[in-house]
N, C-alpha and C. Protein backbone atom coordinates (compact mmCIF):
# COMPACT_ATOMS: atom_id res chain seq x y z
N MET A 1 43.34 50.01 129.11
CA MET A 1 42.50 49.52 130.20
C MET A 1 42.16 47.94 130.06
N MET A 2 42.32 47.53 130.98
CA MET A 2 41.69 45.78 130.95
C MET A 2 40.40 45.75 130.91
N LYS A 3 39.78 44.65 130.09
CA LYS A 3 38.33 44.48 130.03
C LYS A 3 37.89 43.93 131.56
N ASP A 4 36.75 43.97 131.84
CA ASP A 4 36.23 43.66 133.10
C ASP A 4 36.60 42.18 133.31
N GLY A 5 37.01 41.88 134.61
CA GLY A 5 37.43 40.49 134.92
C GLY A 5 38.68 40.18 134.51
N MET A 6 39.50 40.69 133.57
CA MET A 6 40.81 40.34 133.29
C MET A 6 41.72 40.30 134.25
N GLY A 7 41.61 41.27 135.28
CA GLY A 7 42.68 41.25 136.37
C GLY A 7 42.59 39.96 137.27
N TRP A 8 41.25 39.39 137.18
CA TRP A 8 41.07 38.33 138.09
C TRP A 8 41.76 37.13 137.31
N ILE A 9 41.62 36.93 135.90
CA ILE A 9 42.33 35.92 135.12
C ILE A 9 43.70 36.16 135.28
N TRP A 10 44.30 37.31 135.41
CA TRP A 10 45.84 37.28 135.38
C TRP A 10 46.10 36.80 136.69
N LEU A 11 45.40 37.11 137.91
CA LEU A 11 45.86 36.80 139.25
C LEU A 11 45.74 35.34 139.33
N ALA A 12 44.72 34.55 138.80
CA ALA A 12 44.63 33.17 138.70
C ALA A 12 45.93 32.53 137.97
N LEU A 13 46.28 33.07 136.78
CA LEU A 13 47.60 32.74 136.15
C LEU A 13 48.74 33.07 137.14
N ALA A 14 48.82 34.01 137.69
CA ALA A 14 49.88 34.33 138.50
C ALA A 14 49.99 33.26 139.87
N ILE A 15 48.74 33.03 140.55
CA ILE A 15 48.87 32.23 141.44
C ILE A 15 49.06 30.61 141.03
N GLY A 16 48.58 30.11 139.74
CA GLY A 16 48.97 28.93 139.29
C GLY A 16 50.19 28.62 138.78
N SER A 17 50.91 29.66 138.26
CA SER A 17 52.36 29.66 137.92
C SER A 17 53.17 29.50 139.06
N GLU A 18 53.00 30.45 140.25
CA GLU A 18 53.78 30.52 141.37
C GLU A 18 53.69 28.88 142.02
N ILE A 19 52.57 28.47 141.93
CA ILE A 19 52.24 27.05 142.80
C ILE A 19 53.24 26.11 141.83
N MET A 20 53.25 26.26 140.78
CA MET A 20 54.04 25.18 139.68
C MET A 20 55.38 25.50 139.98
N ALA A 21 55.89 26.63 140.25
CA ALA A 21 57.22 26.90 140.49
C ALA A 21 57.51 26.47 141.68
N THR A 22 56.96 27.01 142.64
CA THR A 22 57.37 26.46 143.97
C THR A 22 57.34 25.11 144.20
N SER A 23 56.39 24.24 143.68
CA SER A 23 56.53 22.96 143.66
C SER A 23 57.66 22.30 142.89
N ALA A 24 57.92 22.88 141.93
CA ALA A 24 59.37 22.35 141.05
C ALA A 24 60.48 22.62 141.89
N LEU A 25 60.39 23.80 142.74
CA LEU A 25 61.58 24.34 143.31
C LEU A 25 62.23 23.13 144.31
N LYS A 26 61.44 22.48 144.99
CA LYS A 26 61.82 21.35 145.90
C LYS A 26 62.47 20.06 144.92
N ALA A 27 61.74 19.95 143.76
CA ALA A 27 62.34 18.76 142.98
C ALA A 27 63.50 19.34 142.20
N ALA A 28 63.83 20.72 142.10
CA ALA A 28 65.19 21.10 141.40
C ALA A 28 66.23 20.65 142.26
N ALA A 29 66.02 20.47 143.48
CA ALA A 29 67.41 19.98 144.41
C ALA A 29 68.44 21.00 144.30
N GLY A 30 67.91 22.13 144.69
CA GLY A 30 69.23 23.19 144.62
C GLY A 30 69.63 23.61 143.20
N PHE A 31 68.71 23.59 142.45
CA PHE A 31 68.92 23.87 140.71
C PHE A 31 70.20 22.71 140.24
N THR A 32 70.17 21.78 140.83
CA THR A 32 71.05 20.66 140.27
C THR A 32 70.36 19.74 139.34
N ARG A 33 68.96 19.78 139.19
CA ARG A 33 68.39 18.99 138.10
C ARG A 33 67.73 19.83 137.18
N PRO A 34 67.97 19.65 135.95
CA PRO A 34 67.93 20.56 134.93
C PRO A 34 66.29 20.87 134.67
N LEU A 35 65.59 19.84 134.39
CA LEU A 35 63.95 19.86 134.05
C LEU A 35 63.25 20.90 135.19
N PRO A 36 63.25 20.47 136.43
CA PRO A 36 62.67 20.96 137.38
C PRO A 36 63.26 22.57 137.62
N SER A 37 64.50 22.75 137.32
CA SER A 37 65.20 24.06 137.41
C SER A 37 64.37 25.09 136.44
N ILE A 38 64.43 24.48 135.27
CA ILE A 38 63.86 25.10 133.94
C ILE A 38 62.21 25.58 134.46
N ALA A 39 61.55 24.68 135.01
CA ALA A 39 60.12 24.69 135.37
C ALA A 39 60.20 25.89 136.36
N VAL A 40 61.10 25.92 137.48
CA VAL A 40 61.09 27.01 138.31
C VAL A 40 61.19 28.46 137.90
N ILE A 41 62.25 28.45 136.72
CA ILE A 41 62.44 29.84 136.22
C ILE A 41 61.28 30.17 135.45
N PHE A 42 60.78 29.58 134.47
CA PHE A 42 59.61 29.62 133.63
C PHE A 42 58.44 29.91 134.69
N GLY A 43 57.98 29.29 135.46
CA GLY A 43 56.95 29.52 136.41
C GLY A 43 57.03 30.75 137.07
N TYR A 44 58.00 31.03 137.76
CA TYR A 44 58.22 32.48 138.45
C TYR A 44 58.23 33.59 137.37
N ALA A 45 58.80 33.46 136.09
CA ALA A 45 58.62 34.36 135.25
C ALA A 45 57.34 35.02 134.92
N VAL A 46 56.43 33.66 134.72
CA VAL A 46 55.21 33.85 134.27
C VAL A 46 54.33 34.33 135.33
N ALA A 47 54.55 33.89 136.62
CA ALA A 47 53.89 34.53 137.96
C ALA A 47 54.08 35.93 137.99
N PHE A 48 55.20 36.35 137.94
CA PHE A 48 55.75 37.91 138.02
C PHE A 48 55.06 38.70 136.93
N TYR A 49 55.01 38.11 135.79
CA TYR A 49 54.35 38.97 134.60
C TYR A 49 52.97 39.02 135.02
N ALA A 50 52.32 37.86 135.27
CA ALA A 50 50.85 37.83 135.38
C ALA A 50 50.48 38.86 136.65
N LEU A 51 51.38 38.65 137.59
CA LEU A 51 50.95 39.47 138.90
C LEU A 51 51.10 40.97 138.54
N SER A 52 52.08 41.41 137.71
CA SER A 52 52.13 42.81 137.19
C SER A 52 51.10 43.26 136.45
N GLN A 53 50.38 42.24 135.65
CA GLN A 53 49.22 42.69 134.66
C GLN A 53 47.99 42.67 135.82
N THR A 54 47.81 41.86 136.63
CA THR A 54 46.90 42.01 137.76
C THR A 54 46.80 43.39 138.57
N LEU A 55 47.87 44.05 138.73
CA LEU A 55 48.00 45.23 139.34
C LEU A 55 47.42 46.42 138.52
N ARG A 56 47.21 46.02 137.33
CA ARG A 56 46.78 47.09 136.43
C ARG A 56 45.37 47.35 136.79
N THR A 57 44.44 46.56 137.61
CA THR A 57 42.96 46.70 137.93
C THR A 57 42.76 46.21 139.36
N ILE A 58 43.68 45.42 139.87
CA ILE A 58 43.24 45.05 141.27
C ILE A 58 44.33 45.67 142.23
N PRO A 59 44.01 46.36 143.24
CA PRO A 59 44.72 46.96 144.30
C PRO A 59 45.90 45.90 144.75
N MET A 60 47.03 46.52 144.69
CA MET A 60 48.22 45.76 145.36
C MET A 60 48.12 44.97 146.36
N GLY A 61 47.47 45.49 147.28
CA GLY A 61 47.50 44.77 148.57
C GLY A 61 46.32 43.56 148.64
N ILE A 62 45.26 43.81 148.12
CA ILE A 62 44.52 42.66 147.78
C ILE A 62 44.93 41.51 146.91
N ALA A 63 45.79 41.89 145.77
CA ALA A 63 46.19 40.96 144.81
C ALA A 63 47.33 40.14 145.71
N TYR A 64 47.95 40.82 146.25
CA TYR A 64 49.27 40.20 147.09
C TYR A 64 48.83 39.28 148.11
N ALA A 65 47.57 39.66 148.68
CA ALA A 65 47.25 38.93 149.78
C ALA A 65 46.48 37.61 149.40
N LEU A 66 45.71 37.85 148.45
CA LEU A 66 45.23 36.56 147.53
C LEU A 66 46.25 35.85 146.93
N TRP A 67 47.21 36.22 146.22
CA TRP A 67 48.27 35.34 145.70
C TRP A 67 48.98 34.58 146.63
N SER A 68 49.40 35.34 147.68
CA SER A 68 50.23 34.61 148.65
C SER A 68 49.42 33.62 149.49
N GLY A 69 48.21 34.29 149.97
CA GLY A 69 47.48 33.29 150.74
C GLY A 69 47.00 31.90 149.95
N VAL A 70 46.54 32.22 148.91
CA VAL A 70 46.32 30.84 148.06
C VAL A 70 47.39 29.99 147.95
N GLY A 71 48.50 30.78 147.35
CA GLY A 71 49.76 29.96 147.37
C GLY A 71 50.04 29.17 148.50
N ILE A 72 50.24 29.79 149.51
CA ILE A 72 50.62 29.12 150.97
C ILE A 72 49.72 27.99 151.30
N VAL A 73 48.35 28.14 150.92
CA VAL A 73 47.55 26.86 151.42
C VAL A 73 47.78 25.75 150.30
N VAL A 74 47.75 26.19 148.87
CA VAL A 74 47.93 25.06 148.10
C VAL A 74 49.43 24.44 148.18
N ILE A 75 50.33 25.09 148.47
CA ILE A 75 51.77 24.66 148.41
C ILE A 75 51.68 23.68 149.82
N SER A 76 51.11 23.95 150.99
CA SER A 76 51.02 23.13 152.08
C SER A 76 50.47 21.83 151.79
N LEU A 77 49.36 21.98 150.90
CA LEU A 77 48.81 20.82 150.48
C LEU A 77 49.51 19.80 149.82
N ILE A 78 50.25 20.48 148.75
CA ILE A 78 51.12 19.75 147.88
C ILE A 78 52.22 19.04 148.75
N GLY A 79 52.91 19.74 149.67
CA GLY A 79 53.87 19.08 150.46
C GLY A 79 53.18 18.08 151.35
N LEU A 80 51.97 18.14 151.70
CA LEU A 80 51.36 17.12 152.44
C LEU A 80 51.39 15.75 151.63
N VAL A 81 50.79 16.06 150.54
CA VAL A 81 50.30 14.71 149.45
C VAL A 81 51.58 14.37 148.72
N VAL A 82 52.23 15.12 148.14
CA VAL A 82 53.37 14.90 147.05
C VAL A 82 54.51 14.40 148.08
N TYR A 83 54.98 15.26 148.98
CA TYR A 83 56.26 15.13 149.52
C TYR A 83 55.87 14.52 151.08
N ARG A 84 54.89 14.14 151.38
CA ARG A 84 54.49 13.62 152.67
C ARG A 84 55.16 14.29 153.81
N GLN A 85 54.92 15.70 153.95
CA GLN A 85 55.34 16.50 154.81
C GLN A 85 54.30 16.82 155.90
N LYS A 86 54.44 16.61 157.21
CA LYS A 86 53.43 16.67 158.00
C LYS A 86 53.24 18.14 158.52
N LEU A 87 51.95 18.28 158.73
CA LEU A 87 51.40 19.62 159.18
C LEU A 87 50.72 19.37 160.83
N ASP A 88 51.29 20.10 161.53
CA ASP A 88 50.86 19.80 162.96
C ASP A 88 49.57 20.82 163.13
N ALA A 89 49.10 20.79 164.39
CA ALA A 89 47.92 21.61 164.59
C ALA A 89 48.15 23.02 164.49
N ALA A 90 49.40 23.53 164.90
CA ALA A 90 49.59 25.05 164.54
C ALA A 90 49.39 25.29 163.16
N ALA A 91 50.17 24.42 162.32
CA ALA A 91 50.20 24.74 160.97
C ALA A 91 48.87 24.91 160.36
N LEU A 92 48.08 23.65 160.84
CA LEU A 92 46.56 23.68 160.40
C LEU A 92 45.77 24.76 160.86
N ALA A 93 46.04 25.36 161.88
CA ALA A 93 45.24 26.62 162.49
C ALA A 93 45.63 27.85 161.54
N GLY A 94 46.89 27.88 161.43
CA GLY A 94 47.57 29.15 160.55
C GLY A 94 46.80 29.10 159.10
N ILE A 95 46.97 27.75 158.63
CA ILE A 95 46.35 27.58 157.21
C ILE A 95 44.91 28.07 157.10
N ALA A 96 44.08 27.77 158.35
CA ALA A 96 42.83 27.94 158.47
C ALA A 96 42.52 29.50 158.54
N MET A 97 43.26 30.17 159.32
CA MET A 97 43.34 31.72 159.39
C MET A 97 43.47 32.21 158.08
N ILE A 98 44.63 31.73 157.14
CA ILE A 98 44.64 32.14 155.96
C ILE A 98 43.46 32.15 155.04
N VAL A 99 42.93 30.92 154.93
CA VAL A 99 41.40 30.82 154.20
C VAL A 99 40.56 31.73 154.65
N ALA A 100 40.60 31.88 155.98
CA ALA A 100 39.46 32.73 156.52
C ALA A 100 39.87 34.27 156.05
N GLY A 101 41.03 34.72 155.98
CA GLY A 101 41.45 36.10 155.78
C GLY A 101 41.07 36.42 153.88
N THR A 102 41.33 35.18 153.32
CA THR A 102 41.04 35.26 151.83
C THR A 102 39.67 35.37 151.63
N LEU A 103 38.93 34.52 152.45
CA LEU A 103 37.40 34.59 152.20
C LEU A 103 36.91 35.99 152.63
N VAL A 104 37.23 36.54 153.69
CA VAL A 104 36.84 38.02 154.32
C VAL A 104 37.22 39.00 152.98
N ILE A 105 38.36 38.74 152.47
CA ILE A 105 38.98 39.87 151.46
C ILE A 105 37.64 39.75 150.30
N ASN A 106 37.58 38.49 150.00
CA ASN A 106 36.78 38.29 148.64
C ASN A 106 35.27 38.57 148.75
N LEU A 107 34.74 38.40 150.04
CA LEU A 107 33.36 38.36 150.25
C LEU A 107 32.87 39.67 150.99
N PHE A 108 33.70 40.39 151.55
CA PHE A 108 33.18 41.60 152.13
C PHE A 108 34.14 42.92 152.05
N SER A 109 35.40 42.80 151.42
CA SER A 109 36.09 43.89 151.09
C SER A 109 35.67 44.63 149.88
N THR A 110 35.45 46.00 149.92
CA THR A 110 35.24 46.63 148.76
C THR A 110 36.47 47.02 147.83
N SER A 111 37.42 46.79 148.69
CA SER A 111 39.00 47.23 148.17
C SER A 111 39.21 46.23 146.85
N SER A 112 38.69 45.30 146.90
CA SER A 112 39.02 44.33 145.79
C SER A 112 38.17 44.82 144.49
N ALA A 113 37.26 45.61 144.51
CA ALA A 113 36.56 46.05 143.20
C ALA A 113 37.45 46.69 142.06
N GLU A 114 37.25 46.10 141.09
CA GLU A 114 37.86 46.60 139.79
C GLU A 114 37.62 48.02 139.71
N GLY A 115 38.44 48.96 139.37
CA GLY A 115 38.10 50.28 138.97
C GLY A 115 38.90 50.98 138.11
């Protein structure tokens, strides 16, 4: 059994690795550029391993909601800043709903309690 809080550390690692891998995916240009391609493969491998460790203490639905929600928000911001991709009003509204949902899960759900 994991020590208290380790599930959340694993989840943070999973989210960070997934964000790094997804960011590198665009730079990999269809896996035609070696260094970004290696970063994609390594990042996703770490992300899925860390997510599997997360699921030892955090319920699957909660972990996946946070993993995907935080990833979507951060990747959207990276796309905006790094790749100059535009976000229209509908995209911003959707991202705001993802943030709101993530906050509701973390602040009000008892399902996210480690056990």
